[in-house]
Protein backbone atom coordinates (compact mmCIF):
# COMPACT_ATOMS: atom_id res chain seq x y z
CA MET A 1 35.70 32.24 -16.15
CA VAL A 2 32.20 33.10 -17.33
CA LEU A 3 32.61 30.56 -20.12
CA ALA A 4 33.62 27.87 -17.62
CA ILE A 5 30.55 28.58 -15.45
CA LEU A 6 28.27 28.39 -18.50
CA LEU A 7 29.82 25.09 -19.61
CA ILE A 8 29.50 23.57 -16.15
CA GLY A 9 25.92 24.82 -15.91
CA CYS A 10 25.05 23.13 -19.20
CA LEU A 11 26.55 19.82 -18.11
CA ILE A 12 24.71 19.55 -14.78
CA PRO A 13 21.61 17.42 -15.26
CA VAL A 14 18.42 19.27 -14.53
CA MET A 15 15.06 17.71 -13.66
CA ALA A 16 12.59 19.02 -16.22
CA ALA A 17 8.88 18.48 -16.44
CA ALA A 18 6.80 19.99 -19.19
CA ILE A 19 3.05 20.16 -19.29
CA ALA A 20 1.24 21.48 -22.32
CA PRO A 21 -0.39 24.92 -22.13
CA PRO A 22 -3.99 24.96 -20.86
CA GLU A 23 -5.39 25.73 -24.33
CA VAL A 24 -3.77 22.60 -25.77
CA ILE A 25 -5.01 20.46 -22.87
CA ARG A 26 -8.55 21.83 -23.29
CA GLU A 27 -8.59 21.22 -27.06
CA ARG A 28 -7.22 17.68 -26.66
CA ASN A 29 -9.69 16.82 -23.86
CA LEU A 30 -12.61 17.96 -26.02
CA GLU A 31 -11.61 15.33 -28.60
CA ALA A 32 -12.53 12.58 -26.10
CA ASP A 33 -15.01 9.89 -27.14
CA LEU A 34 -16.82 10.12 -23.80
CA ILE A 35 -17.08 13.12 -21.48
CA VAL A 36 -19.07 12.60 -18.29
CA ILE A 37 -19.63 14.00 -14.84
CA GLY A 38 -19.91 11.31 -12.21
CA GLU A 39 -19.31 10.14 -8.68
CA VAL A 40 -16.32 7.94 -7.90
CA LEU A 41 -17.64 4.76 -6.27
CA ASP A 42 -14.43 2.75 -5.92
CA VAL A 43 -10.68 3.23 -6.38
CA LYS A 44 -8.21 0.35 -6.72
CA GLU A 45 -4.68 1.71 -6.94
CA SER A 46 -2.91 -1.42 -5.72
CA ASP A 47 -4.41 -3.75 -8.34
CA LYS A 48 -2.32 -5.07 -11.22
CA THR A 49 -4.44 -2.72 -13.33
CA PRO A 50 -5.22 0.41 -11.27
CA ASN A 51 -8.78 1.58 -11.88
CA PHE A 52 -11.70 3.51 -10.52
CA VAL A 53 -15.44 3.14 -10.99
CA VAL A 54 -17.62 6.14 -11.85
CA ARG A 55 -21.43 6.30 -11.65
CA ILE A 56 -22.49 8.64 -14.44
CA GLU A 57 -24.53 11.64 -13.27
CA HIS A 58 -24.45 13.64 -16.52
CA ILE A 59 -23.28 12.88 -20.06
CA ILE A 60 -21.68 15.77 -21.93
CA LYS A 61 -20.54 13.74 -24.94
CA GLY A 62 -20.72 10.06 -25.71
CA PRO A 63 -22.26 7.12 -27.54
CA LYS A 64 -26.00 6.47 -27.34
CA ASP A 65 -25.56 3.24 -25.32
CA ILE A 66 -24.20 5.16 -22.31
CA ASP A 67 -26.92 6.35 -19.92
CA LYS A 68 -27.15 8.36 -16.72
CA GLY A 69 -26.74 5.97 -13.78
CA ASN A 70 -24.45 3.57 -15.67
CA GLN A 71 -21.20 2.60 -13.98
CA ILE A 72 -18.01 2.63 -16.00
CA THR A 73 -14.55 1.41 -15.06
CA VAL A 74 -11.62 3.70 -15.85
CA VAL A 75 -8.09 2.24 -15.94
CA PHE A 76 -5.09 4.48 -15.37
CA ARG A 77 -1.30 4.38 -15.00
CA PRO A 78 -0.09 3.48 -11.52
CA SER A 79 1.54 6.20 -9.44
CA PRO A 80 5.33 5.96 -9.44
CA SER A 81 6.96 4.79 -6.24
CA GLU A 82 7.78 7.69 -3.93
CA LYS A 83 10.38 5.84 -1.85
CA GLY A 84 13.43 7.56 -3.28
CA GLU A 85 13.32 5.54 -6.48
CA ILE A 86 13.08 6.98 -9.92
CA GLY A 87 9.50 6.15 -10.78
CA HIS A 88 8.11 5.35 -14.20
CA ARG A 89 6.77 8.68 -15.40
CA VAL A 90 5.64 10.02 -18.73
CA GLN A 91 6.71 13.57 -19.34
CA GLY A 92 3.79 15.97 -19.67
CA LEU A 93 1.24 13.72 -17.93
CA GLU A 94 -0.04 14.11 -14.41
CA VAL A 95 -0.88 11.21 -12.12
CA VAL A 96 -4.60 10.44 -11.69
CA LYS A 97 -5.72 11.44 -8.18
CA VAL A 98 -9.26 10.49 -7.20
CA GLN A 99 -11.06 9.61 -3.97
CA VAL A 100 -14.19 7.60 -3.34
CA GLY A 101 -17.13 9.98 -3.10
CA SER A 102 -15.58 12.69 -5.29
CA LEU A 103 -17.56 14.25 -8.11
CA VAL A 104 -15.39 14.31 -11.22
CA VAL A 105 -15.43 15.35 -14.86
CA VAL A 106 -13.64 12.72 -16.94
CA TYR A 107 -12.53 12.89 -20.57
CA LEU A 108 -12.27 9.30 -21.77
CA GLU A 109 -11.50 7.01 -24.68
CA GLN A 110 -11.90 3.25 -25.03
CA SER A 111 -8.92 1.36 -23.61
CA LYS A 112 -7.17 -0.62 -26.32
CA SER A 113 -5.37 -2.86 -23.82
CA HIS A 114 -8.44 -3.47 -21.59
CA PRO A 115 -11.56 -4.04 -23.73
CA GLY A 116 -14.78 -2.82 -22.12
CA PHE A 117 -12.94 -0.28 -19.98
CA TYR A 118 -12.13 3.37 -20.55
CA LYS A 119 -8.95 5.36 -19.96
CA PRO A 120 -8.41 9.06 -19.36
CA LEU A 121 -7.28 10.79 -22.53
CA LEU A 122 -4.41 12.67 -20.83
CA GLU A 123 -4.20 10.71 -17.54
CA GLY A 124 -4.52 13.14 -14.58
CA LEU A 125 -5.09 16.11 -16.88
CA SER A 126 -8.34 14.44 -18.01
CA VAL A 127 -9.75 13.68 -14.55
CA ILE A 128 -10.93 16.88 -12.88
CA THR A 129 -12.29 16.77 -9.33
CA ILE A 130 -15.10 19.30 -8.95
CA ARG A 131 -16.18 18.23 -5.45
CA LYS A 132 -14.21 16.37 -2.85
CA PRO A 133 -15.99 13.69 -0.79
CA LEU A 134 -18.37 15.07 1.81
CA SER A 135 -17.40 14.35 5.39
CA VAL A 136 -19.93 13.22 8.00
CA LYS A 137 -19.99 16.81 9.33
CA ASP A 138 -20.95 18.18 5.88
CA GLN A 139 -23.94 15.88 5.39
């Protein structure tokens, strides 16, 4: 009987999601071509190519032609549909979640499919919100 339970347990499909350990994520993010802190000015999730625009406040690592105050466009994978469908997901990657007005740290590389744009190295694991948008009450 125990053997039957084990066999049935092995045959039942299980939803699994694996994210790399924090040390691996940190090491991989530090390999980024461009690391900046900036304010999110615009988010377009419904576009054919979802993207957000960041005004650079501080450059941690990057090429010499990037300056404080520059605006860069970051393309990202669209969020999977949440309407009961199986969405297109990549195991080990988180969805990018940003809001206009947020202050973020982004770990970026040049986008090969969209010249002139950047993409997060590890999607949502490479876009860290350090301050949510201020409300009218907070200002």
